[in-house]
Amino acid sequence: MPRRRIVLLTAAAVAALALPVAADRITQQVLEHRVATQLGCALGLSSPPEVTLGGLPFLTQLGARQLSEARISADQVTVKRVTSRRSGCGCRPIGSAHSAGRTLSRCRSCPAG
C-alpha cells in the first residue's frame, strides 16, 4: 500500500474519531452558557452564575434527558427549593430564591436563548 494512502486513511480515521468528541464538548459549552444566562436573569444577578454540566458522553445524556452532574455557583444567592415548572419565557422558576435581599419566584424577561 502506498505511503500516501496510509497517511490519508490515518487522517480520515483520526477525523472520524475527533468530530463526535468535538461536537460533544461544543454542545456542552453552549448549554452551560445558556443555563448560566437564564439563571442569571431568573435570579436578577448582575453577572451570570458559573454553570458546569458534567458527564461523558454529554450528547447521549442530553438525549436521555438526564445529566449525571450539574453544578451551579453564584455569589449572594440562597436557593431553598428548585422546581421544574416552566415559565412563559422558557426559564425554569427558582422557587424560593433570595438574591441581595429580594425574594424571586419567577423569571423576568429573559433572552430567548
N, C-alpha and C. Protein backbone atom coordinates (compact mmCIF):
# COMPACT_ATOMS: atom_id res chain seq x y z
N MET A 1 0.85 -1.16 0.00
CA MET A 1 0.00 0.00 0.00
C MET A 1 0.90 1.23 0.00
N PRO A 2 0.62 2.17 -0.88
CA PRO A 2 1.47 3.37 -0.94
C PRO A 2 1.36 4.19 0.34
N ARG A 3 2.45 4.86 0.65
CA ARG A 3 2.52 5.64 1.88
C ARG A 3 1.46 6.74 1.92
N ARG A 4 1.20 7.38 0.82
CA ARG A 4 0.21 8.46 0.76
C ARG A 4 -1.18 7.94 1.15
N ARG A 5 -1.52 6.75 0.72
CA ARG A 5 -2.82 6.17 1.03
C ARG A 5 -2.93 5.87 2.53
N ILE A 6 -1.86 5.39 3.13
CA ILE A 6 -1.85 5.11 4.56
C ILE A 6 -2.05 6.41 5.35
N VAL A 7 -1.36 7.46 4.93
CA VAL A 7 -1.49 8.75 5.60
C VAL A 7 -2.92 9.27 5.50
N LEU A 8 -3.53 9.17 4.32
CA LEU A 8 -4.90 9.63 4.13
C LEU A 8 -5.89 8.82 4.95
N LEU A 9 -5.71 7.51 5.01
CA LEU A 9 -6.60 6.67 5.81
C LEU A 9 -6.45 6.96 7.30
N THR A 10 -5.22 7.21 7.73
CA THR A 10 -4.98 7.55 9.13
C THR A 10 -5.63 8.88 9.48
N ALA A 11 -5.47 9.86 8.60
CA ALA A 11 -6.08 11.18 8.82
C ALA A 11 -7.61 11.07 8.86
N ALA A 12 -8.18 10.27 7.99
CA ALA A 12 -9.63 10.08 7.97
C ALA A 12 -10.11 9.40 9.26
N ALA A 13 -9.35 8.44 9.74
CA ALA A 13 -9.72 7.75 10.98
C ALA A 13 -9.65 8.70 12.17
N VAL A 14 -8.63 9.51 12.24
CA VAL A 14 -8.49 10.48 13.34
C VAL A 14 -9.64 11.49 13.29
N ALA A 15 -9.97 11.97 12.10
CA ALA A 15 -11.08 12.92 11.96
C ALA A 15 -12.40 12.28 12.35
N ALA A 16 -12.60 11.03 11.97
CA ALA A 16 -13.85 10.33 12.31
C ALA A 16 -13.99 10.16 13.83
N LEU A 17 -12.90 10.02 14.53
CA LEU A 17 -12.95 9.90 15.98
C LEU A 17 -13.02 11.26 16.67
N ALA A 18 -12.39 12.27 16.11
CA ALA A 18 -12.33 13.58 16.74
C ALA A 18 -13.63 14.39 16.59
N LEU A 19 -14.32 14.24 15.48
CA LEU A 19 -15.52 15.05 15.25
C LEU A 19 -16.63 14.80 16.27
N PRO A 20 -16.97 13.57 16.60
CA PRO A 20 -18.00 13.38 17.63
C PRO A 20 -17.60 13.92 19.00
N VAL A 21 -16.34 13.80 19.35
CA VAL A 21 -15.86 14.32 20.63
C VAL A 21 -15.96 15.85 20.63
N ALA A 22 -15.57 16.47 19.53
CA ALA A 22 -15.66 17.93 19.42
C ALA A 22 -17.12 18.38 19.49
N ALA A 23 -18.01 17.69 18.81
CA ALA A 23 -19.43 18.04 18.86
C ALA A 23 -19.98 17.92 20.27
N ASP A 24 -19.57 16.90 20.99
CA ASP A 24 -20.00 16.69 22.37
C ASP A 24 -19.55 17.84 23.26
N ARG A 25 -18.27 18.21 23.17
CA ARG A 25 -17.73 19.29 24.01
C ARG A 25 -18.36 20.64 23.66
N ILE A 26 -18.54 20.92 22.36
CA ILE A 26 -19.12 22.20 21.94
C ILE A 26 -20.55 22.31 22.44
N THR A 27 -21.32 21.25 22.31
CA THR A 27 -22.70 21.25 22.78
C THR A 27 -22.75 21.50 24.29
N GLN A 28 -21.86 20.87 25.03
CA GLN A 28 -21.82 21.07 26.47
C GLN A 28 -21.53 22.53 26.81
N GLN A 29 -20.56 23.14 26.15
CA GLN A 29 -20.20 24.54 26.42
C GLN A 29 -21.35 25.49 26.09
N VAL A 30 -22.04 25.26 24.97
CA VAL A 30 -23.15 26.11 24.57
C VAL A 30 -24.28 26.03 25.60
N LEU A 31 -24.60 24.82 26.04
CA LEU A 31 -25.68 24.66 27.02
C LEU A 31 -25.31 25.23 28.38
N GLU A 32 -24.06 25.10 28.78
CA GLU A 32 -23.63 25.71 30.04
C GLU A 32 -23.83 27.23 29.99
N HIS A 33 -23.48 27.83 28.86
CA HIS A 33 -23.65 29.27 28.69
C HIS A 33 -25.13 29.66 28.74
N ARG A 34 -25.99 28.90 28.06
CA ARG A 34 -27.42 29.20 28.06
C ARG A 34 -28.03 29.08 29.44
N VAL A 35 -27.68 28.03 30.16
CA VAL A 35 -28.20 27.84 31.52
C VAL A 35 -27.73 28.99 32.41
N ALA A 36 -26.48 29.36 32.31
CA ALA A 36 -25.94 30.46 33.13
C ALA A 36 -26.67 31.77 32.83
N THR A 37 -26.91 32.05 31.57
CA THR A 37 -27.61 33.28 31.17
C THR A 37 -29.03 33.29 31.72
N GLN A 38 -29.74 32.19 31.56
CA GLN A 38 -31.13 32.14 32.01
C GLN A 38 -31.24 32.18 33.53
N LEU A 39 -30.36 31.49 34.24
CA LEU A 39 -30.39 31.55 35.70
C LEU A 39 -30.01 32.94 36.20
N GLY A 40 -29.05 33.56 35.57
CA GLY A 40 -28.67 34.92 35.95
C GLY A 40 -29.84 35.87 35.82
N CYS A 41 -30.61 35.70 34.77
CA CYS A 41 -31.81 36.52 34.56
C CYS A 41 -32.87 36.18 35.58
N ALA A 42 -33.12 34.88 35.79
CA ALA A 42 -34.18 34.45 36.71
C ALA A 42 -33.93 34.93 38.13
N LEU A 43 -32.67 34.99 38.52
CA LEU A 43 -32.33 35.42 39.88
C LEU A 43 -32.00 36.90 39.98
N GLY A 44 -32.02 37.60 38.86
CA GLY A 44 -31.72 39.02 38.87
C GLY A 44 -30.28 39.33 39.24
N LEU A 45 -29.35 38.47 38.84
CA LEU A 45 -27.94 38.65 39.19
C LEU A 45 -27.28 39.66 38.27
N SER A 46 -26.28 40.34 38.77
CA SER A 46 -25.55 41.30 37.95
C SER A 46 -24.64 40.61 36.94
N SER A 47 -24.23 39.38 37.25
CA SER A 47 -23.44 38.58 36.31
C SER A 47 -23.93 37.13 36.39
N PRO A 48 -23.84 36.41 35.28
CA PRO A 48 -24.34 35.03 35.28
C PRO A 48 -23.56 34.14 36.25
N PRO A 49 -24.21 33.12 36.79
CA PRO A 49 -23.51 32.20 37.67
C PRO A 49 -22.58 31.29 36.88
N GLU A 50 -21.72 30.61 37.59
CA GLU A 50 -20.85 29.62 36.94
C GLU A 50 -21.62 28.30 36.87
N VAL A 51 -21.74 27.75 35.67
CA VAL A 51 -22.51 26.52 35.45
C VAL A 51 -21.59 25.47 34.85
N THR A 52 -21.63 24.28 35.42
CA THR A 52 -20.88 23.14 34.89
C THR A 52 -21.84 21.97 34.74
N LEU A 53 -22.01 21.52 33.51
CA LEU A 53 -22.82 20.35 33.23
C LEU A 53 -21.85 19.22 32.91
N GLY A 54 -21.94 18.12 33.63
CA GLY A 54 -20.92 17.10 33.52
C GLY A 54 -21.39 15.80 32.92
N GLY A 55 -20.42 14.95 32.78
CA GLY A 55 -20.67 13.61 32.29
C GLY A 55 -20.24 13.42 30.85
N LEU A 56 -19.73 12.25 30.58
CA LEU A 56 -19.33 11.88 29.22
C LEU A 56 -20.03 10.58 28.84
N PRO A 57 -20.47 10.42 27.66
CA PRO A 57 -20.65 11.45 26.64
C PRO A 57 -21.86 12.31 26.94
N PHE A 58 -21.72 13.60 26.74
CA PHE A 58 -22.75 14.57 27.09
C PHE A 58 -23.97 14.44 26.19
N LEU A 59 -23.76 14.26 24.90
CA LEU A 59 -24.88 14.21 23.96
C LEU A 59 -25.83 13.04 24.25
N THR A 60 -25.31 11.90 24.63
CA THR A 60 -26.20 10.78 24.93
C THR A 60 -26.98 11.04 26.22
N GLN A 61 -26.37 11.70 27.19
CA GLN A 61 -27.09 12.08 28.40
C GLN A 61 -28.18 13.09 28.08
N LEU A 62 -27.86 14.03 27.20
CA LEU A 62 -28.83 15.04 26.79
C LEU A 62 -30.00 14.38 26.08
N GLY A 63 -29.71 13.42 25.22
CA GLY A 63 -30.77 12.70 24.52
C GLY A 63 -31.66 11.92 25.47
N ALA A 64 -31.10 11.42 26.54
CA ALA A 64 -31.87 10.69 27.55
C ALA A 64 -32.56 11.63 28.53
N ARG A 65 -32.27 12.94 28.42
CA ARG A 65 -32.83 13.97 29.30
C ARG A 65 -32.48 13.74 30.77
N GLN A 66 -31.27 13.25 31.01
CA GLN A 66 -30.81 13.04 32.38
C GLN A 66 -29.30 13.24 32.41
N LEU A 67 -28.86 14.29 33.11
CA LEU A 67 -27.44 14.58 33.23
C LEU A 67 -26.91 13.97 34.52
N SER A 68 -25.71 13.45 34.44
CA SER A 68 -25.11 12.84 35.63
C SER A 68 -24.66 13.88 36.65
N GLU A 69 -24.42 15.11 36.20
CA GLU A 69 -23.94 16.14 37.11
C GLU A 69 -24.30 17.52 36.58
N ALA A 70 -24.73 18.39 37.48
CA ALA A 70 -24.97 19.80 37.16
C ALA A 70 -24.57 20.61 38.38
N ARG A 71 -23.61 21.50 38.21
CA ARG A 71 -23.13 22.34 39.31
C ARG A 71 -23.34 23.80 38.94
N ILE A 72 -23.90 24.54 39.88
CA ILE A 72 -24.18 25.96 39.67
C ILE A 72 -23.63 26.71 40.87
N SER A 73 -22.85 27.75 40.60
CA SER A 73 -22.24 28.53 41.66
C SER A 73 -22.49 30.02 41.40
N ALA A 74 -23.04 30.70 42.42
CA ALA A 74 -23.28 32.14 42.31
C ALA A 74 -23.09 32.77 43.67
N ASP A 75 -22.61 33.99 43.70
CA ASP A 75 -22.43 34.72 44.95
C ASP A 75 -23.74 35.36 45.38
N GLN A 76 -23.96 35.45 46.68
CA GLN A 76 -25.08 36.13 47.31
C GLN A 76 -26.45 35.59 46.89
N VAL A 77 -26.55 34.27 46.67
CA VAL A 77 -27.82 33.65 46.31
C VAL A 77 -28.04 32.45 47.21
N THR A 78 -29.23 32.34 47.77
CA THR A 78 -29.61 31.18 48.55
C THR A 78 -30.85 30.57 47.91
N VAL A 79 -30.77 29.31 47.58
CA VAL A 79 -31.92 28.63 46.98
C VAL A 79 -32.38 27.55 47.94
N LYS A 80 -33.63 27.64 48.37
CA LYS A 80 -34.17 26.66 49.29
C LYS A 80 -34.88 25.52 48.57
N ARG A 81 -35.43 25.80 47.39
CA ARG A 81 -36.17 24.78 46.67
C ARG A 81 -36.10 25.12 45.18
N VAL A 82 -35.91 24.13 44.36
CA VAL A 82 -35.88 24.32 42.91
C VAL A 82 -36.99 23.48 42.32
N THR A 83 -37.79 24.11 41.47
CA THR A 83 -38.88 23.39 40.82
C THR A 83 -38.56 23.19 39.36
N SER A 84 -39.32 22.34 38.70
CA SER A 84 -39.05 22.09 37.29
C SER A 84 -40.16 22.61 36.39
N ARG A 85 -41.09 23.41 36.92
CA ARG A 85 -42.12 24.00 36.08
C ARG A 85 -41.50 25.07 35.19
N ARG A 86 -42.06 25.23 34.00
CA ARG A 86 -41.54 26.23 33.08
C ARG A 86 -42.36 27.51 33.16
N SER A 87 -41.70 28.65 33.06
CA SER A 87 -42.41 29.92 32.97
C SER A 87 -42.54 30.29 31.50
N GLY A 88 -43.25 31.34 31.22
CA GLY A 88 -43.53 31.73 29.84
C GLY A 88 -42.31 32.09 29.03
N CYS A 89 -41.22 32.51 29.66
CA CYS A 89 -40.04 32.95 28.91
C CYS A 89 -39.09 31.80 28.60
N GLY A 90 -39.40 30.60 29.06
CA GLY A 90 -38.51 29.48 28.80
C GLY A 90 -37.57 29.16 29.94
N CYS A 91 -37.53 30.02 30.95
CA CYS A 91 -36.69 29.75 32.12
C CYS A 91 -37.47 28.88 33.09
N ARG A 92 -36.75 28.16 33.90
CA ARG A 92 -37.38 27.38 34.96
C ARG A 92 -37.43 28.25 36.21
N PRO A 93 -38.60 28.33 36.87
CA PRO A 93 -38.67 29.12 38.11
C PRO A 93 -37.72 28.56 39.16
N ILE A 94 -37.30 29.40 40.09
CA ILE A 94 -36.30 29.00 41.06
C ILE A 94 -36.93 28.83 42.45
N GLY A 95 -38.23 28.77 42.51
CA GLY A 95 -38.86 28.54 43.80
C GLY A 95 -38.56 29.68 44.76
N SER A 96 -38.12 29.39 45.93
CA SER A 96 -37.89 30.36 46.98
C SER A 96 -36.43 30.77 46.96
N ALA A 97 -36.04 31.58 46.01
CA ALA A 97 -34.65 32.01 45.88
C ALA A 97 -34.51 33.44 46.38
N HIS A 98 -33.39 33.72 47.02
CA HIS A 98 -33.15 35.05 47.55
C HIS A 98 -31.85 35.59 46.97
N SER A 99 -31.93 36.78 46.41
CA SER A 99 -30.75 37.42 45.84
C SER A 99 -30.70 38.85 46.34
N ALA A 100 -29.67 39.18 47.06
CA ALA A 100 -29.45 40.52 47.60
C ALA A 100 -30.69 41.01 48.36
N GLY A 101 -31.29 40.13 49.16
CA GLY A 101 -32.42 40.53 49.99
C GLY A 101 -33.77 40.49 49.32
N ARG A 102 -33.83 40.17 48.02
CA ARG A 102 -35.11 40.11 47.31
C ARG A 102 -35.52 38.66 47.13
N THR A 103 -36.81 38.38 47.30
CA THR A 103 -37.32 37.04 47.03
C THR A 103 -37.81 37.00 45.60
N LEU A 104 -37.35 36.02 44.86
CA LEU A 104 -37.70 35.89 43.45
C LEU A 104 -38.41 34.56 43.24
N SER A 105 -39.56 34.59 42.63
CA SER A 105 -40.26 33.33 42.41
C SER A 105 -40.39 33.00 40.94
N ARG A 106 -40.12 33.92 40.07
CA ARG A 106 -40.18 33.59 38.65
C ARG A 106 -39.23 34.48 37.87
N CYS A 107 -39.00 34.09 36.65
CA CYS A 107 -38.05 34.80 35.80
C CYS A 107 -38.64 36.09 35.28
N ARG A 108 -37.81 37.09 35.17
CA ARG A 108 -38.22 38.30 34.47
C ARG A 108 -37.97 38.06 32.98
N SER A 109 -38.05 39.06 32.16
CA SER A 109 -37.89 38.85 30.72
C SER A 109 -36.46 38.41 30.40
N CYS A 110 -36.31 37.15 30.03
CA CYS A 110 -35.00 36.59 29.73
C CYS A 110 -34.78 36.53 28.23
N PRO A 111 -33.51 36.54 27.81
CA PRO A 111 -33.24 36.36 26.39
C PRO A 111 -33.70 34.98 25.94
N ALA A 112 -34.14 34.89 24.72
CA ALA A 112 -34.70 33.63 24.22
C ALA A 112 -33.68 32.54 24.15
N GLY A 113 -32.45 32.81 24.17
CA GLY A 113 -31.58 31.66 24.15
C GLY A 113 -30.19 31.89 23.85
